[in-house]
């Protein structure tokens, strides 16, 4: 049986630092980032806005996508965000609704 997963991007403002991660529990992981419970990049750069995410049927697929996306240059990441979220709106309310 496959375990679903997500790839997501966090930022602290439009065109600010961008963090890419993957998880099997998007709500829990974004909550952790928003409340600075995870040491590292998102805590250091205050990346607490969920600006993009994509669901996958398999967590391994999500992890593979994360690894590929981390190699992207910044303009590609920005384009991905702005294709679905041109205002860099925080998507947190959408996932907890």
N, C-alpha and C. Protein backbone atom coordinates (compact mmCIF):
# COMPACT_ATOMS: atom_id res chain seq x y z
N UNK A 1 0.84 -1.18 0.00
CA UNK A 1 0.00 0.00 0.00
C UNK A 1 0.89 1.25 0.00
N UNK A 2 0.57 2.19 -0.87
CA UNK A 2 1.36 3.41 -0.98
C UNK A 2 0.95 4.42 0.09
N UNK A 3 1.94 5.15 0.59
CA UNK A 3 1.69 6.22 1.55
C UNK A 3 1.76 7.54 0.78
N UNK A 4 0.72 8.37 0.82
CA UNK A 4 0.75 9.63 0.07
C UNK A 4 1.79 10.59 0.63
N UNK A 5 2.16 11.57 -0.20
CA UNK A 5 3.14 12.57 0.22
C UNK A 5 2.91 13.90 -0.46
N UNK A 6 3.66 14.88 -0.04
CA UNK A 6 3.56 16.24 -0.56
C UNK A 6 4.95 16.83 -0.76
N UNK A 7 5.08 17.67 -1.76
CA UNK A 7 6.22 18.56 -1.90
C UNK A 7 5.66 19.95 -1.67
N UNK A 8 6.41 20.79 -0.97
CA UNK A 8 5.89 22.11 -0.64
C UNK A 8 7.02 23.14 -0.66
N UNK A 9 6.63 24.41 -0.78
CA UNK A 9 7.58 25.51 -0.70
C UNK A 9 7.10 26.50 0.34
N UNK A 10 8.03 26.92 1.18
CA UNK A 10 7.79 27.91 2.21
C UNK A 10 8.62 29.15 1.87
N UNK A 11 8.11 30.32 2.25
CA UNK A 11 8.83 31.58 2.06
C UNK A 11 8.47 32.51 3.21
N UNK A 12 9.19 33.63 3.32
CA UNK A 12 8.84 34.59 4.36
C UNK A 12 8.17 35.84 3.79
N UNK A 13 8.24 36.00 2.47
CA UNK A 13 7.60 37.12 1.76
C UNK A 13 7.75 36.86 0.28
N UNK A 14 7.06 37.65 -0.53
CA UNK A 14 7.19 37.54 -1.98
C UNK A 14 8.65 37.76 -2.38
N UNK A 15 9.16 36.86 -3.19
CA UNK A 15 10.53 36.90 -3.68
C UNK A 15 11.59 36.82 -2.58
N UNK A 16 11.19 36.35 -1.40
CA UNK A 16 12.14 36.14 -0.31
C UNK A 16 12.78 34.77 -0.41
N UNK A 17 13.44 34.34 0.65
CA UNK A 17 14.04 33.00 0.67
C UNK A 17 12.97 31.94 0.45
N UNK A 18 13.34 30.88 -0.27
CA UNK A 18 12.41 29.79 -0.58
C UNK A 18 12.98 28.48 -0.05
N UNK A 19 12.15 27.76 0.70
CA UNK A 19 12.53 26.44 1.20
C UNK A 19 11.65 25.40 0.52
N UNK A 20 12.25 24.32 0.07
CA UNK A 20 11.51 23.21 -0.53
C UNK A 20 11.65 21.99 0.38
N UNK A 21 10.53 21.35 0.66
CA UNK A 21 10.54 20.15 1.49
C UNK A 21 9.53 19.14 1.01
N UNK A 22 9.56 17.95 1.63
CA UNK A 22 8.56 16.92 1.36
C UNK A 22 8.14 16.32 2.69
N UNK A 23 6.91 15.82 2.70
CA UNK A 23 6.36 15.27 3.93
C UNK A 23 5.18 14.37 3.62
N UNK A 24 4.85 13.52 4.57
CA UNK A 24 3.63 12.70 4.43
C UNK A 24 2.45 13.38 5.14
N UNK A 25 2.73 14.40 5.95
CA UNK A 25 1.67 15.11 6.69
C UNK A 25 1.88 16.62 6.52
N UNK A 26 1.26 17.19 5.50
CA UNK A 26 1.49 18.60 5.16
C UNK A 26 1.03 19.54 6.27
N UNK A 27 -0.12 19.28 6.86
CA UNK A 27 -0.62 20.17 7.92
C UNK A 27 0.34 20.20 9.10
N UNK A 28 0.78 19.04 9.54
CA UNK A 28 1.70 18.98 10.68
C UNK A 28 3.02 19.68 10.36
N UNK A 29 3.59 19.41 9.17
CA UNK A 29 4.88 19.98 8.83
C UNK A 29 4.81 21.50 8.69
N UNK A 30 3.76 22.02 8.05
CA UNK A 30 3.63 23.48 7.90
C UNK A 30 3.43 24.11 9.27
N UNK A 31 2.65 23.48 10.13
CA UNK A 31 2.48 23.97 11.51
C UNK A 31 3.84 24.09 12.20
N UNK A 32 4.68 23.07 12.03
CA UNK A 32 6.01 23.08 12.65
C UNK A 32 6.85 24.24 12.12
N UNK A 33 6.81 24.47 10.81
CA UNK A 33 7.56 25.58 10.24
C UNK A 33 7.02 26.91 10.74
N UNK A 34 5.70 27.07 10.72
CA UNK A 34 5.07 28.33 11.12
C UNK A 34 5.40 28.68 12.57
N UNK A 35 5.54 27.68 13.40
CA UNK A 35 5.80 27.91 14.83
C UNK A 35 7.27 27.74 15.20
N UNK A 36 8.11 27.67 14.18
CA UNK A 36 9.57 27.59 14.34
C UNK A 36 10.00 26.45 15.26
N UNK A 37 9.37 25.29 15.06
CA UNK A 37 9.67 24.12 15.87
C UNK A 37 10.76 23.25 15.24
N UNK A 38 11.15 23.56 14.00
CA UNK A 38 12.15 22.78 13.29
C UNK A 38 13.40 23.64 13.12
N UNK A 39 14.52 23.15 13.61
CA UNK A 39 15.79 23.86 13.44
C UNK A 39 16.19 23.86 11.98
N UNK A 40 16.88 24.88 11.54
CA UNK A 40 17.40 24.90 10.18
C UNK A 40 16.97 26.13 9.41
N UNK A 41 16.93 25.97 8.09
CA UNK A 41 16.72 27.06 7.15
C UNK A 41 15.43 27.84 7.43
N UNK A 42 14.31 27.12 7.58
CA UNK A 42 13.04 27.83 7.74
C UNK A 42 12.99 28.62 9.04
N UNK A 43 13.60 28.11 10.08
CA UNK A 43 13.64 28.84 11.36
C UNK A 43 14.56 30.05 11.25
N UNK A 44 15.72 29.85 10.66
CA UNK A 44 16.69 30.94 10.51
C UNK A 44 16.16 32.08 9.67
N UNK A 45 15.49 31.75 8.56
CA UNK A 45 15.02 32.77 7.63
C UNK A 45 13.52 33.08 7.78
N UNK A 46 12.91 32.58 8.86
CA UNK A 46 11.50 32.87 9.17
C UNK A 46 10.56 32.53 8.01
N UNK A 47 10.80 31.41 7.37
CA UNK A 47 9.95 30.96 6.26
C UNK A 47 8.71 30.29 6.84
N UNK A 48 7.66 31.06 7.01
CA UNK A 48 6.45 30.54 7.66
C UNK A 48 5.23 30.61 6.76
N UNK A 49 5.39 31.02 5.50
CA UNK A 49 4.28 31.10 4.57
C UNK A 49 4.33 29.91 3.61
N UNK A 50 3.27 29.14 3.56
CA UNK A 50 3.15 28.06 2.58
C UNK A 50 2.72 28.71 1.27
N UNK A 51 3.61 28.71 0.28
CA UNK A 51 3.31 29.41 -0.98
C UNK A 51 3.03 28.47 -2.14
N UNK A 52 3.33 27.18 -1.98
CA UNK A 52 3.07 26.21 -3.05
C UNK A 52 3.14 24.81 -2.46
N UNK A 53 2.31 23.90 -2.98
CA UNK A 53 2.42 22.49 -2.62
C UNK A 53 1.80 21.65 -3.71
N UNK A 54 2.21 20.39 -3.75
CA UNK A 54 1.66 19.42 -4.69
C UNK A 54 1.56 18.07 -3.98
N UNK A 55 0.42 17.41 -4.16
CA UNK A 55 0.20 16.09 -3.57
C UNK A 55 0.66 14.99 -4.52
N UNK A 56 1.17 13.92 -3.95
CA UNK A 56 1.60 12.73 -4.69
C UNK A 56 0.95 11.51 -4.06
N UNK A 57 0.73 10.48 -4.86
CA UNK A 57 0.16 9.24 -4.35
C UNK A 57 1.14 8.46 -3.48
N UNK A 58 2.43 8.70 -3.69
CA UNK A 58 3.48 7.94 -3.02
C UNK A 58 4.52 8.90 -2.43
N UNK A 59 4.84 8.73 -1.16
CA UNK A 59 5.81 9.62 -0.49
C UNK A 59 7.18 9.56 -1.18
N UNK A 60 7.55 8.41 -1.72
CA UNK A 60 8.83 8.31 -2.40
C UNK A 60 8.84 9.18 -3.65
N UNK A 61 7.72 9.22 -4.35
CA UNK A 61 7.58 10.11 -5.51
C UNK A 61 7.76 11.56 -5.09
N UNK A 62 7.17 11.93 -3.96
CA UNK A 62 7.30 13.30 -3.43
C UNK A 62 8.76 13.60 -3.08
N UNK A 63 9.44 12.66 -2.44
CA UNK A 63 10.86 12.87 -2.07
C UNK A 63 11.73 13.02 -3.31
N UNK A 64 11.45 12.22 -4.33
CA UNK A 64 12.21 12.32 -5.58
C UNK A 64 11.98 13.69 -6.24
N UNK A 65 10.73 14.14 -6.23
CA UNK A 65 10.40 15.46 -6.80
C UNK A 65 11.10 16.56 -6.02
N UNK A 66 11.13 16.44 -4.69
CA UNK A 66 11.82 17.43 -3.85
C UNK A 66 13.30 17.50 -4.23
N UNK A 67 13.96 16.37 -4.36
CA UNK A 67 15.39 16.35 -4.72
C UNK A 67 15.64 17.03 -6.06
N UNK A 68 14.76 16.77 -7.03
CA UNK A 68 14.91 17.41 -8.35
C UNK A 68 14.70 18.92 -8.23
N UNK A 69 13.67 19.32 -7.51
CA UNK A 69 13.35 20.75 -7.41
C UNK A 69 14.42 21.53 -6.67
N UNK A 70 15.09 20.91 -5.72
CA UNK A 70 16.14 21.61 -4.97
C UNK A 70 17.32 21.96 -5.89
N UNK A 71 17.42 21.28 -7.02
CA UNK A 71 18.49 21.57 -7.98
C UNK A 71 18.10 22.69 -8.95
N UNK A 72 16.82 23.07 -8.97
CA UNK A 72 16.35 24.11 -9.88
C UNK A 72 16.99 25.45 -9.54
N UNK A 73 17.12 26.29 -10.55
CA UNK A 73 17.58 27.65 -10.26
C UNK A 73 16.38 28.45 -9.72
N UNK A 74 16.71 29.57 -9.10
CA UNK A 74 15.69 30.38 -8.43
C UNK A 74 14.55 30.82 -9.36
N UNK A 75 14.83 31.31 -10.58
CA UNK A 75 13.72 31.71 -11.45
C UNK A 75 12.72 30.58 -11.73
N UNK A 76 13.18 29.34 -11.83
CA UNK A 76 12.26 28.22 -12.04
C UNK A 76 11.34 28.04 -10.82
N UNK A 77 11.93 28.16 -9.62
CA UNK A 77 11.13 28.02 -8.40
C UNK A 77 10.08 29.13 -8.32
N UNK A 78 10.50 30.34 -8.62
CA UNK A 78 9.57 31.47 -8.58
C UNK A 78 8.45 31.28 -9.61
N UNK A 79 8.80 30.81 -10.79
CA UNK A 79 7.79 30.57 -11.83
C UNK A 79 6.78 29.52 -11.35
N UNK A 80 7.26 28.46 -10.71
CA UNK A 80 6.37 27.41 -10.20
C UNK A 80 5.39 27.99 -9.19
N UNK A 81 5.91 28.80 -8.27
CA UNK A 81 5.03 29.43 -7.27
C UNK A 81 4.02 30.34 -7.95
N UNK A 82 4.50 31.22 -8.82
CA UNK A 82 3.64 32.25 -9.39
C UNK A 82 2.63 31.71 -10.41
N UNK A 83 2.89 30.54 -10.98
CA UNK A 83 1.90 29.92 -11.87
C UNK A 83 0.60 29.60 -11.12
N UNK A 84 0.71 29.20 -9.88
CA UNK A 84 -0.48 28.84 -9.12
C UNK A 84 -0.84 29.82 -8.02
N UNK A 85 0.10 30.70 -7.68
CA UNK A 85 -0.09 31.61 -6.55
C UNK A 85 0.64 32.92 -6.85
N UNK A 86 0.14 33.69 -7.82
CA UNK A 86 0.86 34.88 -8.28
C UNK A 86 1.11 35.94 -7.21
N UNK A 87 0.28 35.97 -6.17
CA UNK A 87 0.45 36.96 -5.11
C UNK A 87 1.25 36.44 -3.92
N UNK A 88 1.74 35.21 -4.02
CA UNK A 88 2.47 34.56 -2.93
C UNK A 88 1.63 34.56 -1.65
N UNK A 89 0.34 34.30 -1.82
CA UNK A 89 -0.58 34.24 -0.69
C UNK A 89 -0.24 33.03 0.18
N UNK A 90 -0.40 33.17 1.48
CA UNK A 90 -0.18 32.05 2.39
C UNK A 90 -1.30 31.04 2.21
N UNK A 91 -0.96 29.82 1.84
CA UNK A 91 -1.94 28.78 1.56
C UNK A 91 -2.36 27.98 2.82
N UNK A 92 -1.79 28.33 3.94
CA UNK A 92 -2.12 27.64 5.19
C UNK A 92 -3.63 27.57 5.44
N UNK A 93 -4.36 28.69 5.32
CA UNK A 93 -5.81 28.59 5.55
C UNK A 93 -6.51 27.60 4.61
N UNK A 94 -5.98 27.42 3.41
CA UNK A 94 -6.58 26.49 2.46
C UNK A 94 -6.44 25.04 2.89
N UNK A 95 -5.33 24.70 3.53
CA UNK A 95 -5.11 23.28 3.87
C UNK A 95 -5.73 22.90 5.20
N UNK A 96 -6.03 23.89 6.04
CA UNK A 96 -6.65 23.55 7.33
C UNK A 96 -8.16 23.69 7.30
N UNK A 97 -8.68 24.22 6.20
CA UNK A 97 -10.14 24.42 6.09
C UNK A 97 -10.88 23.11 5.94
